[in-house]
Amino acid sequence: LGRVPLHIPATYNAATNAEPTQAD
């Protein structure tokens, strides 16, 4: 599409406010 999508990951740690890394 010639543009980077906005990605919202399925896994999210609310306690640490952290999203997964590429290693997941």
PDBML (XML) file of the C-alpha atoms, coordinates in Angstrom:
<?xml version="1.0" encoding="UTF-8" ?>
<PDBx:datablock datablockName="MODEL"
   xmlns:PDBx="http://pdbml.pdb.org/schema/pdbx-v50.xsd"
   xmlns:xsi="http://www.w3.org/2001/XMLSchema-instance"
   xsi:schemaLocation="http://pdbml.pdb.org/schema/pdbx-v50.xsd pdbx-v50.xsd">
   <PDBx:atom_siteCategory>
      <PDBx:atom_site id="1">
         <PDBx:B_iso_or_equiv>0.00</PDBx:B_iso_or_equiv>
         <PDBx:Cartn_x>0.000</PDBx:Cartn_x>
         <PDBx:Cartn_y>0.000</PDBx:Cartn_y>
         <PDBx:Cartn_z>0.000</PDBx:Cartn_z>
         <PDBx:auth_asym_id>A</PDBx:auth_asym_id>
         <PDBx:auth_atom_id>CA</PDBx:auth_atom_id>
         <PDBx:auth_comp_id>LEU</PDBx:auth_comp_id>
         <PDBx:auth_seq_id>1</PDBx:auth_seq_id>
         <PDBx:group_PDB>ATOM</PDBx:group_PDB>
         <PDBx:label_alt_id xsi:nil="true" />
         <PDBx:label_asym_id>A</PDBx:label_asym_id>
         <PDBx:label_atom_id>CA</PDBx:label_atom_id>
         <PDBx:label_comp_id>LEU</PDBx:label_comp_id>
         <PDBx:label_entity_id>1</PDBx:label_entity_id>
         <PDBx:label_seq_id>1</PDBx:label_seq_id>
         <PDBx:occupancy>1.00</PDBx:occupancy>
         <PDBx:pdbx_PDB_model_num>1</PDBx:pdbx_PDB_model_num>
         <PDBx:type_symbol>C</PDBx:type_symbol>
      </PDBx:atom_site>
      <PDBx:atom_site id="2">
         <PDBx:B_iso_or_equiv>0.00</PDBx:B_iso_or_equiv>
         <PDBx:Cartn_x>2.981</PDBx:Cartn_x>
         <PDBx:Cartn_y>2.334</PDBx:Cartn_y>
         <PDBx:Cartn_z>0.170</PDBx:Cartn_z>
         <PDBx:auth_asym_id>A</PDBx:auth_asym_id>
         <PDBx:auth_atom_id>CA</PDBx:auth_atom_id>
         <PDBx:auth_comp_id>GLY</PDBx:auth_comp_id>
         <PDBx:auth_seq_id>2</PDBx:auth_seq_id>
         <PDBx:group_PDB>ATOM</PDBx:group_PDB>
         <PDBx:label_alt_id xsi:nil="true" />
         <PDBx:label_asym_id>A</PDBx:label_asym_id>
         <PDBx:label_atom_id>CA</PDBx:label_atom_id>
         <PDBx:label_comp_id>GLY</PDBx:label_comp_id>
         <PDBx:label_entity_id>1</PDBx:label_entity_id>
         <PDBx:label_seq_id>2</PDBx:label_seq_id>
         <PDBx:occupancy>1.00</PDBx:occupancy>
         <PDBx:pdbx_PDB_model_num>1</PDBx:pdbx_PDB_model_num>
         <PDBx:type_symbol>C</PDBx:type_symbol>
      </PDBx:atom_site>
      <PDBx:atom_site id="3">
         <PDBx:B_iso_or_equiv>0.00</PDBx:B_iso_or_equiv>
         <PDBx:Cartn_x>2.384</PDBx:Cartn_x>
         <PDBx:Cartn_y>3.292</PDBx:Cartn_y>
         <PDBx:Cartn_z>3.793</PDBx:Cartn_z>
         <PDBx:auth_asym_id>A</PDBx:auth_asym_id>
         <PDBx:auth_atom_id>CA</PDBx:auth_atom_id>
         <PDBx:auth_comp_id>ARG</PDBx:auth_comp_id>
         <PDBx:auth_seq_id>3</PDBx:auth_seq_id>
         <PDBx:group_PDB>ATOM</PDBx:group_PDB>
         <PDBx:label_alt_id xsi:nil="true" />
         <PDBx:label_asym_id>A</PDBx:label_asym_id>
         <PDBx:label_atom_id>CA</PDBx:label_atom_id>
         <PDBx:label_comp_id>ARG</PDBx:label_comp_id>
         <PDBx:label_entity_id>1</PDBx:label_entity_id>
         <PDBx:label_seq_id>3</PDBx:label_seq_id>
         <PDBx:occupancy>1.00</PDBx:occupancy>
         <PDBx:pdbx_PDB_model_num>1</PDBx:pdbx_PDB_model_num>
         <PDBx:type_symbol>C</PDBx:type_symbol>
      </PDBx:atom_site>
      <PDBx:atom_site id="4">
         <PDBx:B_iso_or_equiv>0.00</PDBx:B_iso_or_equiv>
         <PDBx:Cartn_x>3.164</PDBx:Cartn_x>
         <PDBx:Cartn_y>1.842</PDBx:Cartn_y>
         <PDBx:Cartn_z>7.207</PDBx:Cartn_z>
         <PDBx:auth_asym_id>A</PDBx:auth_asym_id>
         <PDBx:auth_atom_id>CA</PDBx:auth_atom_id>
         <PDBx:auth_comp_id>VAL</PDBx:auth_comp_id>
         <PDBx:auth_seq_id>4</PDBx:auth_seq_id>
         <PDBx:group_PDB>ATOM</PDBx:group_PDB>
         <PDBx:label_alt_id xsi:nil="true" />
         <PDBx:label_asym_id>A</PDBx:label_asym_id>
         <PDBx:label_atom_id>CA</PDBx:label_atom_id>
         <PDBx:label_comp_id>VAL</PDBx:label_comp_id>
         <PDBx:label_entity_id>1</PDBx:label_entity_id>
         <PDBx:label_seq_id>4</PDBx:label_seq_id>
         <PDBx:occupancy>1.00</PDBx:occupancy>
         <PDBx:pdbx_PDB_model_num>1</PDBx:pdbx_PDB_model_num>
         <PDBx:type_symbol>C</PDBx:type_symbol>
      </PDBx:atom_site>
      <PDBx:atom_site id="5">
         <PDBx:B_iso_or_equiv>0.00</PDBx:B_iso_or_equiv>
         <PDBx:Cartn_x>0.017</PDBx:Cartn_x>
         <PDBx:Cartn_y>0.637</PDBx:Cartn_y>
         <PDBx:Cartn_z>9.005</PDBx:Cartn_z>
         <PDBx:auth_asym_id>A</PDBx:auth_asym_id>
         <PDBx:auth_atom_id>CA</PDBx:auth_atom_id>
         <PDBx:auth_comp_id>PRO</PDBx:auth_comp_id>
         <PDBx:auth_seq_id>5</PDBx:auth_seq_id>
         <PDBx:group_PDB>ATOM</PDBx:group_PDB>
         <PDBx:label_alt_id xsi:nil="true" />
         <PDBx:label_asym_id>A</PDBx:label_asym_id>
         <PDBx:label_atom_id>CA</PDBx:label_atom_id>
         <PDBx:label_comp_id>PRO</PDBx:label_comp_id>
         <PDBx:label_entity_id>1</PDBx:label_entity_id>
         <PDBx:label_seq_id>5</PDBx:label_seq_id>
         <PDBx:occupancy>1.00</PDBx:occupancy>
         <PDBx:pdbx_PDB_model_num>1</PDBx:pdbx_PDB_model_num>
         <PDBx:type_symbol>C</PDBx:type_symbol>
      </PDBx:atom_site>
      <PDBx:atom_site id="6">
         <PDBx:B_iso_or_equiv>0.00</PDBx:B_iso_or_equiv>
         <PDBx:Cartn_x>-0.794</PDBx:Cartn_x>
         <PDBx:Cartn_y>1.566</PDBx:Cartn_y>
         <PDBx:Cartn_z>12.568</PDBx:Cartn_z>
         <PDBx:auth_asym_id>A</PDBx:auth_asym_id>
         <PDBx:auth_atom_id>CA</PDBx:auth_atom_id>
         <PDBx:auth_comp_id>LEU</PDBx:auth_comp_id>
         <PDBx:auth_seq_id>6</PDBx:auth_seq_id>
         <PDBx:group_PDB>ATOM</PDBx:group_PDB>
         <PDBx:label_alt_id xsi:nil="true" />
         <PDBx:label_asym_id>A</PDBx:label_asym_id>
         <PDBx:label_atom_id>CA</PDBx:label_atom_id>
         <PDBx:label_comp_id>LEU</PDBx:label_comp_id>
         <PDBx:label_entity_id>1</PDBx:label_entity_id>
         <PDBx:label_seq_id>6</PDBx:label_seq_id>
         <PDBx:occupancy>1.00</PDBx:occupancy>
         <PDBx:pdbx_PDB_model_num>1</PDBx:pdbx_PDB_model_num>
         <PDBx:type_symbol>C</PDBx:type_symbol>
      </PDBx:atom_site>
      <PDBx:atom_site id="7">
         <PDBx:B_iso_or_equiv>0.00</PDBx:B_iso_or_equiv>
         <PDBx:Cartn_x>-0.529</PDBx:Cartn_x>
         <PDBx:Cartn_y>-1.705</PDBx:Cartn_y>
         <PDBx:Cartn_z>14.506</PDBx:Cartn_z>
         <PDBx:auth_asym_id>A</PDBx:auth_asym_id>
         <PDBx:auth_atom_id>CA</PDBx:auth_atom_id>
         <PDBx:auth_comp_id>HIS</PDBx:auth_comp_id>
         <PDBx:auth_seq_id>7</PDBx:auth_seq_id>
         <PDBx:group_PDB>ATOM</PDBx:group_PDB>
         <PDBx:label_alt_id xsi:nil="true" />
         <PDBx:label_asym_id>A</PDBx:label_asym_id>
         <PDBx:label_atom_id>CA</PDBx:label_atom_id>
         <PDBx:label_comp_id>HIS</PDBx:label_comp_id>
         <PDBx:label_entity_id>1</PDBx:label_entity_id>
         <PDBx:label_seq_id>7</PDBx:label_seq_id>
         <PDBx:occupancy>1.00</PDBx:occupancy>
         <PDBx:pdbx_PDB_model_num>1</PDBx:pdbx_PDB_model_num>
         <PDBx:type_symbol>C</PDBx:type_symbol>
      </PDBx:atom_site>
      <PDBx:atom_site id="8">
         <PDBx:B_iso_or_equiv>0.00</PDBx:B_iso_or_equiv>
         <PDBx:Cartn_x>-2.258</PDBx:Cartn_x>
         <PDBx:Cartn_y>-2.381</PDBx:Cartn_y>
         <PDBx:Cartn_z>17.819</PDBx:Cartn_z>
         <PDBx:auth_asym_id>A</PDBx:auth_asym_id>
         <PDBx:auth_atom_id>CA</PDBx:auth_atom_id>
         <PDBx:auth_comp_id>ILE</PDBx:auth_comp_id>
         <PDBx:auth_seq_id>8</PDBx:auth_seq_id>
         <PDBx:group_PDB>ATOM</PDBx:group_PDB>
         <PDBx:label_alt_id xsi:nil="true" />
         <PDBx:label_asym_id>A</PDBx:label_asym_id>
         <PDBx:label_atom_id>CA</PDBx:label_atom_id>
         <PDBx:label_comp_id>ILE</PDBx:label_comp_id>
         <PDBx:label_entity_id>1</PDBx:label_entity_id>
         <PDBx:label_seq_id>8</PDBx:label_seq_id>
         <PDBx:occupancy>1.00</PDBx:occupancy>
         <PDBx:pdbx_PDB_model_num>1</PDBx:pdbx_PDB_model_num>
         <PDBx:type_symbol>C</PDBx:type_symbol>
      </PDBx:atom_site>
      <PDBx:atom_site id="9">
         <PDBx:B_iso_or_equiv>0.00</PDBx:B_iso_or_equiv>
         <PDBx:Cartn_x>-0.832</PDBx:Cartn_x>
         <PDBx:Cartn_y>-5.656</PDBx:Cartn_y>
         <PDBx:Cartn_z>19.199</PDBx:Cartn_z>
         <PDBx:auth_asym_id>A</PDBx:auth_asym_id>
         <PDBx:auth_atom_id>CA</PDBx:auth_atom_id>
         <PDBx:auth_comp_id>PRO</PDBx:auth_comp_id>
         <PDBx:auth_seq_id>9</PDBx:auth_seq_id>
         <PDBx:group_PDB>ATOM</PDBx:group_PDB>
         <PDBx:label_alt_id xsi:nil="true" />
         <PDBx:label_asym_id>A</PDBx:label_asym_id>
         <PDBx:label_atom_id>CA</PDBx:label_atom_id>
         <PDBx:label_comp_id>PRO</PDBx:label_comp_id>
         <PDBx:label_entity_id>1</PDBx:label_entity_id>
         <PDBx:label_seq_id>9</PDBx:label_seq_id>
         <PDBx:occupancy>1.00</PDBx:occupancy>
         <PDBx:pdbx_PDB_model_num>1</PDBx:pdbx_PDB_model_num>
         <PDBx:type_symbol>C</PDBx:type_symbol>
      </PDBx:atom_site>
      <PDBx:atom_site id="10">
         <PDBx:B_iso_or_equiv>0.00</PDBx:B_iso_or_equiv>
         <PDBx:Cartn_x>-3.106</PDBx:Cartn_x>
         <PDBx:Cartn_y>-8.305</PDBx:Cartn_y>
         <PDBx:Cartn_z>20.648</PDBx:Cartn_z>
         <PDBx:auth_asym_id>A</PDBx:auth_asym_id>
         <PDBx:auth_atom_id>CA</PDBx:auth_atom_id>
         <PDBx:auth_comp_id>ALA</PDBx:auth_comp_id>
         <PDBx:auth_seq_id>10</PDBx:auth_seq_id>
         <PDBx:group_PDB>ATOM</PDBx:group_PDB>
         <PDBx:label_alt_id xsi:nil="true" />
         <PDBx:label_asym_id>A</PDBx:label_asym_id>
         <PDBx:label_atom_id>CA</PDBx:label_atom_id>
         <PDBx:label_comp_id>ALA</PDBx:label_comp_id>
         <PDBx:label_entity_id>1</PDBx:label_entity_id>
         <PDBx:label_seq_id>10</PDBx:label_seq_id>
         <PDBx:occupancy>1.00</PDBx:occupancy>
         <PDBx:pdbx_PDB_model_num>1</PDBx:pdbx_PDB_model_num>
         <PDBx:type_symbol>C</PDBx:type_symbol>
      </PDBx:atom_site>
      <PDBx:atom_site id="11">
         <PDBx:B_iso_or_equiv>0.00</PDBx:B_iso_or_equiv>
         <PDBx:Cartn_x>-0.909</PDBx:Cartn_x>
         <PDBx:Cartn_y>-8.798</PDBx:Cartn_y>
         <PDBx:Cartn_z>23.698</PDBx:Cartn_z>
         <PDBx:auth_asym_id>A</PDBx:auth_asym_id>
         <PDBx:auth_atom_id>CA</PDBx:auth_atom_id>
         <PDBx:auth_comp_id>THR</PDBx:auth_comp_id>
         <PDBx:auth_seq_id>11</PDBx:auth_seq_id>
         <PDBx:group_PDB>ATOM</PDBx:group_PDB>
         <PDBx:label_alt_id xsi:nil="true" />
         <PDBx:label_asym_id>A</PDBx:label_asym_id>
         <PDBx:label_atom_id>CA</PDBx:label_atom_id>
         <PDBx:label_comp_id>THR</PDBx:label_comp_id>
         <PDBx:label_entity_id>1</PDBx:label_entity_id>
         <PDBx:label_seq_id>11</PDBx:label_seq_id>
         <PDBx:occupancy>1.00</PDBx:occupancy>
         <PDBx:pdbx_PDB_model_num>1</PDBx:pdbx_PDB_model_num>
         <PDBx:type_symbol>C</PDBx:type_symbol>
      </PDBx:atom_site>
      <PDBx:atom_site id="12">
         <PDBx:B_iso_or_equiv>0.00</PDBx:B_iso_or_equiv>
         <PDBx:Cartn_x>-0.533</PDBx:Cartn_x>
         <PDBx:Cartn_y>-5.957</PDBx:Cartn_y>
         <PDBx:Cartn_z>26.140</PDBx:Cartn_z>
         <PDBx:auth_asym_id>A</PDBx:auth_asym_id>
         <PDBx:auth_atom_id>CA</PDBx:auth_atom_id>
         <PDBx:auth_comp_id>TYR</PDBx:auth_comp_id>
         <PDBx:auth_seq_id>12</PDBx:auth_seq_id>
         <PDBx:group_PDB>ATOM</PDBx:group_PDB>
         <PDBx:label_alt_id xsi:nil="true" />
         <PDBx:label_asym_id>A</PDBx:label_asym_id>
         <PDBx:label_atom_id>CA</PDBx:label_atom_id>
         <PDBx:label_comp_id>TYR</PDBx:label_comp_id>
         <PDBx:label_entity_id>1</PDBx:label_entity_id>
         <PDBx:label_seq_id>12</PDBx:label_seq_id>
         <PDBx:occupancy>1.00</PDBx:occupancy>
         <PDBx:pdbx_PDB_model_num>1</PDBx:pdbx_PDB_model_num>
         <PDBx:type_symbol>C</PDBx:type_symbol>
      </PDBx:atom_site>
      <PDBx:atom_site id="13">
         <PDBx:B_iso_or_equiv>0.00</PDBx:B_iso_or_equiv>
         <PDBx:Cartn_x>0.610</PDBx:Cartn_x>
         <PDBx:Cartn_y>-5.859</PDBx:Cartn_y>
         <PDBx:Cartn_z>29.760</PDBx:Cartn_z>
         <PDBx:auth_asym_id>A</PDBx:auth_asym_id>
         <PDBx:auth_atom_id>CA</PDBx:auth_atom_id>
         <PDBx:auth_comp_id>ASN</PDBx:auth_comp_id>
         <PDBx:auth_seq_id>13</PDBx:auth_seq_id>
         <PDBx:group_PDB>ATOM</PDBx:group_PDB>
         <PDBx:label_alt_id xsi:nil="true" />
         <PDBx:label_asym_id>A</PDBx:label_asym_id>
         <PDBx:label_atom_id>CA</PDBx:label_atom_id>
         <PDBx:label_comp_id>ASN</PDBx:label_comp_id>
         <PDBx:label_entity_id>1</PDBx:label_entity_id>
         <PDBx:label_seq_id>13</PDBx:label_seq_id>
         <PDBx:occupancy>1.00</PDBx:occupancy>
         <PDBx:pdbx_PDB_model_num>1</PDBx:pdbx_PDB_model_num>
         <PDBx:type_symbol>C</PDBx:type_symbol>
      </PDBx:atom_site>
      <PDBx:atom_site id="14">
         <PDBx:B_iso_or_equiv>0.00</PDBx:B_iso_or_equiv>
         <PDBx:Cartn_x>-1.559</PDBx:Cartn_x>
         <PDBx:Cartn_y>-3.320</PDBx:Cartn_y>
         <PDBx:Cartn_z>31.546</PDBx:Cartn_z>
         <PDBx:auth_asym_id>A</PDBx:auth_asym_id>
         <PDBx:auth_atom_id>CA</PDBx:auth_atom_id>
         <PDBx:auth_comp_id>ALA</PDBx:auth_comp_id>
         <PDBx:auth_seq_id>14</PDBx:auth_seq_id>
         <PDBx:group_PDB>ATOM</PDBx:group_PDB>
         <PDBx:label_alt_id xsi:nil="true" />
         <PDBx:label_asym_id>A</PDBx:label_asym_id>
         <PDBx:label_atom_id>CA</PDBx:label_atom_id>
         <PDBx:label_comp_id>ALA</PDBx:label_comp_id>
         <PDBx:label_entity_id>1</PDBx:label_entity_id>
         <PDBx:label_seq_id>14</PDBx:label_seq_id>
         <PDBx:occupancy>1.00</PDBx:occupancy>
         <PDBx:pdbx_PDB_model_num>1</PDBx:pdbx_PDB_model_num>
         <PDBx:type_symbol>C</PDBx:type_symbol>
      </PDBx:atom_site>
      <PDBx:atom_site id="15">
         <PDBx:B_iso_or_equiv>0.00</PDBx:B_iso_or_equiv>
         <PDBx:Cartn_x>0.543</PDBx:Cartn_x>
         <PDBx:Cartn_y>-3.547</PDBx:Cartn_y>
         <PDBx:Cartn_z>34.717</PDBx:Cartn_z>
         <PDBx:auth_asym_id>A</PDBx:auth_asym_id>
         <PDBx:auth_atom_id>CA</PDBx:auth_atom_id>
         <PDBx:auth_comp_id>ALA</PDBx:auth_comp_id>
         <PDBx:auth_seq_id>15</PDBx:auth_seq_id>
         <PDBx:group_PDB>ATOM</PDBx:group_PDB>
         <PDBx:label_alt_id xsi:nil="true" />
         <PDBx:label_asym_id>A</PDBx:label_asym_id>
         <PDBx:label_atom_id>CA</PDBx:label_atom_id>
         <PDBx:label_comp_id>ALA</PDBx:label_comp_id>
         <PDBx:label_entity_id>1</PDBx:label_entity_id>
         <PDBx:label_seq_id>15</PDBx:label_seq_id>
         <PDBx:occupancy>1.00</PDBx:occupancy>
         <PDBx:pdbx_PDB_model_num>1</PDBx:pdbx_PDB_model_num>
         <PDBx:type_symbol>C</PDBx:type_symbol>
      </PDBx:atom_site>
      <PDBx:atom_site id="16">
         <PDBx:B_iso_or_equiv>0.00</PDBx:B_iso_or_equiv>
         <PDBx:Cartn_x>3.705</PDBx:Cartn_x>
         <PDBx:Cartn_y>-2.422</PDBx:Cartn_y>
         <PDBx:Cartn_z>32.939</PDBx:Cartn_z>
         <PDBx:auth_asym_id>A</PDBx:auth_asym_id>
         <PDBx:auth_atom_id>CA</PDBx:auth_atom_id>
         <PDBx:auth_comp_id>THR</PDBx:auth_comp_id>
         <PDBx:auth_seq_id>16</PDBx:auth_seq_id>
         <PDBx:group_PDB>ATOM</PDBx:group_PDB>
         <PDBx:label_alt_id xsi:nil="true" />
         <PDBx:label_asym_id>A</PDBx:label_asym_id>
         <PDBx:label_atom_id>CA</PDBx:label_atom_id>
         <PDBx:label_comp_id>THR</PDBx:label_comp_id>
         <PDBx:label_entity_id>1</PDBx:label_entity_id>
         <PDBx:label_seq_id>16</PDBx:label_seq_id>
         <PDBx:occupancy>1.00</PDBx:occupancy>
         <PDBx:pdbx_PDB_model_num>1</PDBx:pdbx_PDB_model_num>
         <PDBx:type_symbol>C</PDBx:type_symbol>
      </PDBx:atom_site>
      <PDBx:atom_site id="17">
         <PDBx:B_iso_or_equiv>0.00</PDBx:B_iso_or_equiv>
         <PDBx:Cartn_x>2.003</PDBx:Cartn_x>
         <PDBx:Cartn_y>-0.493</PDBx:Cartn_y>
         <PDBx:Cartn_z>30.139</PDBx:Cartn_z>
         <PDBx:auth_asym_id>A</PDBx:auth_asym_id>
         <PDBx:auth_atom_id>CA</PDBx:auth_atom_id>
         <PDBx:auth_comp_id>ASN</PDBx:auth_comp_id>
         <PDBx:auth_seq_id>17</PDBx:auth_seq_id>
         <PDBx:group_PDB>ATOM</PDBx:group_PDB>
         <PDBx:label_alt_id xsi:nil="true" />
         <PDBx:label_asym_id>A</PDBx:label_asym_id>
         <PDBx:label_atom_id>CA</PDBx:label_atom_id>
         <PDBx:label_comp_id>ASN</PDBx:label_comp_id>
         <PDBx:label_entity_id>1</PDBx:label_entity_id>
         <PDBx:label_seq_id>17</PDBx:label_seq_id>
         <PDBx:occupancy>1.00</PDBx:occupancy>
         <PDBx:pdbx_PDB_model_num>1</PDBx:pdbx_PDB_model_num>
         <PDBx:type_symbol>C</PDBx:type_symbol>
      </PDBx:atom_site>
      <PDBx:atom_site id="18">
         <PDBx:B_iso_or_equiv>0.00</PDBx:B_iso_or_equiv>
         <PDBx:Cartn_x>4.121</PDBx:Cartn_x>
         <PDBx:Cartn_y>-2.508</PDBx:Cartn_y>
         <PDBx:Cartn_z>27.724</PDBx:Cartn_z>
         <PDBx:auth_asym_id>A</PDBx:auth_asym_id>
         <PDBx:auth_atom_id>CA</PDBx:auth_atom_id>
         <PDBx:auth_comp_id>ALA</PDBx:auth_comp_id>
         <PDBx:auth_seq_id>18</PDBx:auth_seq_id>
         <PDBx:group_PDB>ATOM</PDBx:group_PDB>
         <PDBx:label_alt_id xsi:nil="true" />
         <PDBx:label_asym_id>A</PDBx:label_asym_id>
         <PDBx:label_atom_id>CA</PDBx:label_atom_id>
         <PDBx:label_comp_id>ALA</PDBx:label_comp_id>
         <PDBx:label_entity_id>1</PDBx:label_entity_id>
         <PDBx:label_seq_id>18</PDBx:label_seq_id>
         <PDBx:occupancy>1.00</PDBx:occupancy>
         <PDBx:pdbx_PDB_model_num>1</PDBx:pdbx_PDB_model_num>
         <PDBx:type_symbol>C</PDBx:type_symbol>
      </PDBx:atom_site>
      <PDBx:atom_site id="19">
         <PDBx:B_iso_or_equiv>0.00</PDBx:B_iso_or_equiv>
         <PDBx:Cartn_x>3.480</PDBx:Cartn_x>
         <PDBx:Cartn_y>-3.921</PDBx:Cartn_y>
         <PDBx:Cartn_z>24.262</PDBx:Cartn_z>
         <PDBx:auth_asym_id>A</PDBx:auth_asym_id>
         <PDBx:auth_atom_id>CA</PDBx:auth_atom_id>
         <PDBx:auth_comp_id>GLU</PDBx:auth_comp_id>
         <PDBx:auth_seq_id>19</PDBx:auth_seq_id>
         <PDBx:group_PDB>ATOM</PDBx:group_PDB>
         <PDBx:label_alt_id xsi:nil="true" />
         <PDBx:label_asym_id>A</PDBx:label_asym_id>
         <PDBx:label_atom_id>CA</PDBx:label_atom_id>
         <PDBx:label_comp_id>GLU</PDBx:label_comp_id>
         <PDBx:label_entity_id>1</PDBx:label_entity_id>
         <PDBx:label_seq_id>19</PDBx:label_seq_id>
         <PDBx:occupancy>1.00</PDBx:occupancy>
         <PDBx:pdbx_PDB_model_num>1</PDBx:pdbx_PDB_model_num>
         <PDBx:type_symbol>C</PDBx:type_symbol>
      </PDBx:atom_site>
      <PDBx:atom_site id="20">
         <PDBx:B_iso_or_equiv>0.00</PDBx:B_iso_or_equiv>
         <PDBx:Cartn_x>5.243</PDBx:Cartn_x>
         <PDBx:Cartn_y>-7.040</PDBx:Cartn_y>
         <PDBx:Cartn_z>22.942</PDBx:Cartn_z>
         <PDBx:auth_asym_id>A</PDBx:auth_asym_id>
         <PDBx:auth_atom_id>CA</PDBx:auth_atom_id>
         <PDBx:auth_comp_id>PRO</PDBx:auth_comp_id>
         <PDBx:auth_seq_id>20</PDBx:auth_seq_id>
         <PDBx:group_PDB>ATOM</PDBx:group_PDB>
         <PDBx:label_alt_id xsi:nil="true" />
         <PDBx:label_asym_id>A</PDBx:label_asym_id>
         <PDBx:label_atom_id>CA</PDBx:label_atom_id>
         <PDBx:label_comp_id>PRO</PDBx:label_comp_id>
         <PDBx:label_entity_id>1</PDBx:label_entity_id>
         <PDBx:label_seq_id>20</PDBx:label_seq_id>
         <PDBx:occupancy>1.00</PDBx:occupancy>
         <PDBx:pdbx_PDB_model_num>1</PDBx:pdbx_PDB_model_num>
         <PDBx:type_symbol>C</PDBx:type_symbol>
      </PDBx:atom_site>
      <PDBx:atom_site id="21">
         <PDBx:B_iso_or_equiv>0.00</PDBx:B_iso_or_equiv>
         <PDBx:Cartn_x>8.637</PDBx:Cartn_x>
         <PDBx:Cartn_y>-7.006</PDBx:Cartn_y>
         <PDBx:Cartn_z>21.305</PDBx:Cartn_z>
         <PDBx:auth_asym_id>A</PDBx:auth_asym_id>
         <PDBx:auth_atom_id>CA</PDBx:auth_atom_id>
         <PDBx:auth_comp_id>THR</PDBx:auth_comp_id>
         <PDBx:auth_seq_id>21</PDBx:auth_seq_id>
         <PDBx:group_PDB>ATOM</PDBx:group_PDB>
         <PDBx:label_alt_id xsi:nil="true" />
         <PDBx:label_asym_id>A</PDBx:label_asym_id>
         <PDBx:label_atom_id>CA</PDBx:label_atom_id>
         <PDBx:label_comp_id>THR</PDBx:label_comp_id>
         <PDBx:label_entity_id>1</PDBx:label_entity_id>
         <PDBx:label_seq_id>21</PDBx:label_seq_id>
         <PDBx:occupancy>1.00</PDBx:occupancy>
         <PDBx:pdbx_PDB_model_num>1</PDBx:pdbx_PDB_model_num>
         <PDBx:type_symbol>C</PDBx:type_symbol>
      </PDBx:atom_site>
      <PDBx:atom_site id="22">
         <PDBx:B_iso_or_equiv>0.00</PDBx:B_iso_or_equiv>
         <PDBx:Cartn_x>9.514</PDBx:Cartn_x>
         <PDBx:Cartn_y>-8.423</PDBx:Cartn_y>
         <PDBx:Cartn_z>17.899</PDBx:Cartn_z>
         <PDBx:auth_asym_id>A</PDBx:auth_asym_id>
         <PDBx:auth_atom_id>CA</PDBx:auth_atom_id>
         <PDBx:auth_comp_id>GLN</PDBx:auth_comp_id>
         <PDBx:auth_seq_id>22</PDBx:auth_seq_id>
         <PDBx:group_PDB>ATOM</PDBx:group_PDB>
         <PDBx:label_alt_id xsi:nil="true" />
         <PDBx:label_asym_id>A</PDBx:label_asym_id>
         <PDBx:label_atom_id>CA</PDBx:label_atom_id>
         <PDBx:label_comp_id>GLN</PDBx:label_comp_id>
         <PDBx:label_entity_id>1</PDBx:label_entity_id>
         <PDBx:label_seq_id>22</PDBx:label_seq_id>
         <PDBx:occupancy>1.00</PDBx:occupancy>
         <PDBx:pdbx_PDB_model_num>1</PDBx:pdbx_PDB_model_num>
         <PDBx:type_symbol>C</PDBx:type_symbol>
      </PDBx:atom_site>
      <PDBx:atom_site id="23">
         <PDBx:B_iso_or_equiv>0.00</PDBx:B_iso_or_equiv>
         <PDBx:Cartn_x>10.759</PDBx:Cartn_x>
         <PDBx:Cartn_y>-11.547</PDBx:Cartn_y>
         <PDBx:Cartn_z>19.660</PDBx:Cartn_z>
         <PDBx:auth_asym_id>A</PDBx:auth_asym_id>
         <PDBx:auth_atom_id>CA</PDBx:auth_atom_id>
         <PDBx:auth_comp_id>ALA</PDBx:auth_comp_id>
         <PDBx:auth_seq_id>23</PDBx:auth_seq_id>
         <PDBx:group_PDB>ATOM</PDBx:group_PDB>
         <PDBx:label_alt_id xsi:nil="true" />
         <PDBx:label_asym_id>A</PDBx:label_asym_id>
         <PDBx:label_atom_id>CA</PDBx:label_atom_id>
         <PDBx:label_comp_id>ALA</PDBx:label_comp_id>
         <PDBx:label_entity_id>1</PDBx:label_entity_id>
         <PDBx:label_seq_id>23</PDBx:label_seq_id>
         <PDBx:occupancy>1.00</PDBx:occupancy>
         <PDBx:pdbx_PDB_model_num>1</PDBx:pdbx_PDB_model_num>
         <PDBx:type_symbol>C</PDBx:type_symbol>
      </PDBx:atom_site>
      <PDBx:atom_site id="24">
         <PDBx:B_iso_or_equiv>0.00</PDBx:B_iso_or_equiv>
         <PDBx:Cartn_x>7.227</PDBx:Cartn_x>
         <PDBx:Cartn_y>-12.559</PDBx:Cartn_y>
         <PDBx:Cartn_z>20.740</PDBx:Cartn_z>
         <PDBx:auth_asym_id>A</PDBx:auth_asym_id>
         <PDBx:auth_atom_id>CA</PDBx:auth_atom_id>
         <PDBx:auth_comp_id>ASP</PDBx:auth_comp_id>
         <PDBx:auth_seq_id>24</PDBx:auth_seq_id>
         <PDBx:group_PDB>ATOM</PDBx:group_PDB>
         <PDBx:label_alt_id xsi:nil="true" />
         <PDBx:label_asym_id>A</PDBx:label_asym_id>
         <PDBx:label_atom_id>CA</PDBx:label_atom_id>
         <PDBx:label_comp_id>ASP</PDBx:label_comp_id>
         <PDBx:label_entity_id>1</PDBx:label_entity_id>
         <PDBx:label_seq_id>24</PDBx:label_seq_id>
         <PDBx:occupancy>1.00</PDBx:occupancy>
         <PDBx:pdbx_PDB_model_num>1</PDBx:pdbx_PDB_model_num>
         <PDBx:type_symbol>C</PDBx:type_symbol>
      </PDBx:atom_site>
   </PDBx:atom_siteCategory>
</PDBx:datablock>
